[in-house]
Amino acid sequence: MKISLCFSGLLAAFAVTCAHADSSVIYIAATETEELKAKDGQRVTVYGETSGAGKSSSGTNFVNFKEGEFYLVTFKTDLNLFPNGEPADLYDGKRIAVTGVMSIYRGKPQFKLTSPEQVRVLEADEEFPPKQEEMEEAPEPEAKPEATPETEPKPEEEAKRKPPVDPSEYFK
């Protein structure tokens, strides 16, 4: 019973963390190569104008962005997920915003494009990224009570603390 309660507590904490992470969107211009590289492994929204899309002999689609090293890649195995056409045809010469997980391939930032839902074609006069509404001031964290010589743990006590669970109960 204790294990299931602990597991449930961990899942609840993980869900809260994930919900918080999804609510903050990171917008980066496709021309900001170094900033894009710094976001390797992170979910971001990249925006800009595309130019020079193409297809390889194996069927892989590439969509390049003007004045930057960022590009989109769609493998032949994912092309069936684009019912209105291939990304190289759909997005070339367009102003778009695309959301995905940043990866670096041969020193250049890229997204693997696997769904048309990742891409938003922007209107010519559309302001992007959207203006961030002024954030409400976050409440200050509660002050911790000051440590006194009586309440401060002694160094030798810290070293002797046992883990919260005795592993010998589970690993025999």
Protein backbone atom coordinates (compact mmCIF):
# COMPACT_ATOMS: atom_id res chain seq x y z
CA MET A 1 0.00 0.00 0.00
CA LYS A 2 2.84 2.39 0.85
CA ILE A 3 4.45 1.83 -2.53
CA SER A 4 1.24 2.62 -4.44
CA LEU A 5 0.67 5.77 -2.39
CA CYS A 6 4.25 6.91 -3.02
CA PHE A 7 3.88 6.13 -6.72
CA SER A 8 0.59 8.06 -6.87
CA GLY A 9 2.24 11.00 -5.16
CA LEU A 10 5.11 10.96 -7.64
CA LEU A 11 2.69 10.81 -10.58
CA ALA A 12 0.75 13.78 -9.20
CA ALA A 13 3.95 15.79 -8.77
CA PHE A 14 5.07 14.84 -12.30
CA ALA A 15 1.71 15.88 -13.77
CA VAL A 16 1.91 19.28 -12.08
CA THR A 17 5.44 19.78 -13.40
CA CYS A 18 4.42 18.81 -16.94
CA ALA A 19 1.38 21.09 -16.91
CA HIS A 20 3.59 23.99 -15.83
CA ALA A 21 6.18 23.22 -18.52
CA ASP A 22 3.54 23.12 -21.28
CA SER A 23 2.14 26.52 -20.34
CA SER A 24 5.37 28.38 -21.12
CA VAL A 25 6.10 28.64 -24.84
CA ILE A 26 9.56 29.59 -26.06
CA TYR A 27 9.56 31.58 -29.34
CA ILE A 28 12.79 31.89 -31.33
CA ALA A 29 13.36 33.43 -34.76
CA ALA A 30 14.78 30.99 -37.33
CA THR A 31 17.65 33.42 -37.89
CA GLU A 32 18.88 33.07 -34.27
CA THR A 33 21.14 30.05 -34.94
CA GLU A 34 23.13 30.13 -31.69
CA GLU A 35 20.00 30.53 -29.56
CA LEU A 36 18.39 27.62 -31.42
CA LYS A 37 21.45 25.42 -30.83
CA ALA A 38 21.28 26.25 -27.13
CA LYS A 39 17.75 24.78 -27.01
CA ASP A 40 18.87 21.29 -28.14
CA GLY A 41 16.41 18.73 -26.75
CA GLN A 42 13.83 21.34 -25.75
CA ARG A 43 10.37 22.00 -27.16
CA VAL A 44 10.25 25.44 -28.81
CA THR A 45 8.35 27.37 -31.48
CA VAL A 46 10.51 28.68 -34.32
CA TYR A 47 9.20 31.29 -36.73
CA GLY A 48 10.40 32.85 -39.95
CA GLU A 49 10.17 32.85 -43.72
CA THR A 50 11.06 29.71 -45.64
CA SER A 51 13.10 29.56 -48.82
CA GLY A 52 14.65 26.74 -50.81
CA ALA A 53 12.66 23.68 -49.82
CA GLY A 54 13.47 20.45 -51.61
CA LYS A 55 13.35 16.67 -51.72
CA SER A 56 16.12 14.11 -51.69
CA SER A 57 16.24 11.11 -54.03
CA SER A 58 15.11 8.95 -51.10
CA GLY A 59 11.95 11.06 -50.65
CA THR A 60 13.03 13.03 -47.57
CA ASN A 61 11.64 16.59 -47.55
CA PHE A 62 13.64 19.62 -46.39
CA VAL A 63 12.30 23.08 -45.66
CA ASN A 64 14.98 25.75 -45.17
CA PHE A 65 14.51 29.16 -43.58
CA LYS A 66 15.80 32.45 -45.02
CA GLU A 67 18.89 33.98 -43.42
CA GLY A 68 19.44 31.12 -41.00
CA GLU A 69 20.73 27.61 -40.66
CA PHE A 70 17.51 26.18 -39.21
CA TYR A 71 15.55 23.66 -41.27
CA LEU A 72 12.74 21.13 -41.10
CA VAL A 73 13.19 17.52 -42.17
CA THR A 74 10.37 15.09 -42.96
CA PHE A 75 11.28 11.51 -43.72
CA LYS A 76 9.48 9.54 -46.41
CA THR A 77 7.90 7.31 -43.74
CA ASP A 78 6.07 10.36 -42.30
CA LEU A 79 4.85 11.88 -45.59
CA ASN A 80 1.58 9.92 -45.45
CA LEU A 81 0.67 12.05 -42.39
CA PHE A 82 0.44 15.14 -44.65
CA PRO A 83 -2.81 14.65 -46.60
CA ASN A 84 -2.65 18.05 -48.37
CA GLY A 85 0.79 17.52 -49.90
CA GLU A 86 4.44 17.22 -49.02
CA PRO A 87 6.01 19.79 -46.66
CA ALA A 88 8.56 20.91 -49.29
CA ASP A 89 5.64 21.94 -51.54
CA LEU A 90 3.28 23.21 -48.83
CA TYR A 91 5.63 25.48 -46.87
CA ASP A 92 8.24 26.77 -49.36
CA GLY A 93 8.18 30.56 -49.61
CA LYS A 94 5.77 30.92 -46.69
CA ARG A 95 6.00 32.65 -43.35
CA ILE A 96 5.44 29.96 -40.74
CA ALA A 97 5.69 29.12 -37.07
CA VAL A 98 6.59 25.53 -36.28
CA THR A 99 6.69 23.78 -32.91
CA GLY A 100 8.88 20.81 -32.11
CA VAL A 101 11.82 19.45 -30.19
CA MET A 102 15.10 21.05 -31.23
CA SER A 103 17.88 18.75 -32.40
CA ILE A 104 21.29 19.42 -33.88
CA TYR A 105 22.41 17.55 -36.99
CA ARG A 106 25.88 18.20 -38.41
CA GLY A 107 26.09 21.39 -36.37
CA LYS A 108 22.78 22.83 -37.61
CA PRO A 109 19.51 23.16 -35.67
CA GLN A 110 16.52 21.27 -37.03
CA PHE A 111 13.08 19.87 -36.27
CA LYS A 112 11.81 16.53 -37.40
CA LEU A 113 8.45 17.43 -38.90
CA THR A 114 5.99 14.58 -38.39
CA SER A 115 2.59 16.28 -38.45
CA PRO A 116 0.89 19.24 -40.16
CA GLU A 117 -0.35 20.25 -36.67
CA GLN A 118 3.22 21.33 -35.86
CA VAL A 119 3.06 24.08 -38.49
CA ARG A 120 1.07 27.30 -38.56
CA VAL A 121 1.17 29.36 -41.77
CA LEU A 122 1.22 33.01 -40.72
CA GLU A 123 -0.72 35.78 -42.44
CA ALA A 124 1.38 38.44 -44.20
CA ASP A 125 0.42 41.15 -41.69
CA GLU A 126 0.25 38.88 -38.64
CA GLU A 127 2.45 39.95 -35.73
CA PHE A 128 4.48 37.02 -34.50
CA PRO A 129 5.46 36.03 -31.89
CA PRO A 130 2.35 37.09 -30.02
CA LYS A 131 2.88 39.78 -27.41
CA GLN A 132 3.31 38.38 -23.96
CA GLU A 133 0.72 39.70 -21.56
CA GLU A 134 2.28 41.27 -18.55
CA MET A 135 2.72 38.55 -16.04
CA GLU A 136 1.21 38.99 -12.65
CA GLU A 137 3.76 39.36 -9.94
CA ALA A 138 4.55 35.99 -8.48
CA PRO A 139 4.02 35.71 -4.75
CA GLU A 140 7.22 35.78 -2.79
CA PRO A 141 8.22 32.43 -1.34
CA GLU A 142 7.55 31.96 2.33
CA ALA A 143 10.52 32.82 4.49
CA LYS A 144 12.17 29.89 6.18
CA PRO A 145 12.62 30.20 9.92
CA GLU A 146 16.10 31.30 10.84
CA ALA A 147 18.41 28.53 11.89
CA THR A 148 19.61 28.68 15.44
CA PRO A 149 22.45 26.68 16.98
CA GLU A 150 19.82 24.42 18.60
CA THR A 151 17.92 23.69 15.35
CA GLU A 152 20.88 23.51 12.94
CA PRO A 153 22.02 19.92 12.33
CA LYS A 154 25.58 19.20 13.28
CA PRO A 155 27.90 18.00 10.49
CA GLU A 156 28.42 14.60 12.10
CA GLU A 157 24.61 14.12 12.37
CA GLU A 158 24.16 14.90 8.66
CA ALA A 159 26.73 12.27 7.70
CA LYS A 160 25.02 9.62 9.85
CA ARG A 161 21.49 10.14 8.49
CA LYS A 162 19.85 7.01 7.16
CA PRO A 163 18.05 6.97 3.82
CA PRO A 164 14.24 7.27 4.09
CA VAL A 165 13.86 3.63 3.00
CA ASP A 166 16.06 0.78 4.13
CA PRO A 167 17.23 -0.85 0.85
CA SER A 168 18.04 -4.12 2.62
CA GLU A 169 14.29 -4.74 2.90
CA TYR A 170 13.97 -4.85 -0.88
CA PHE A 171 17.36 -6.12 -2.09
CA LYS A 172 18.13 -9.47 -0.48
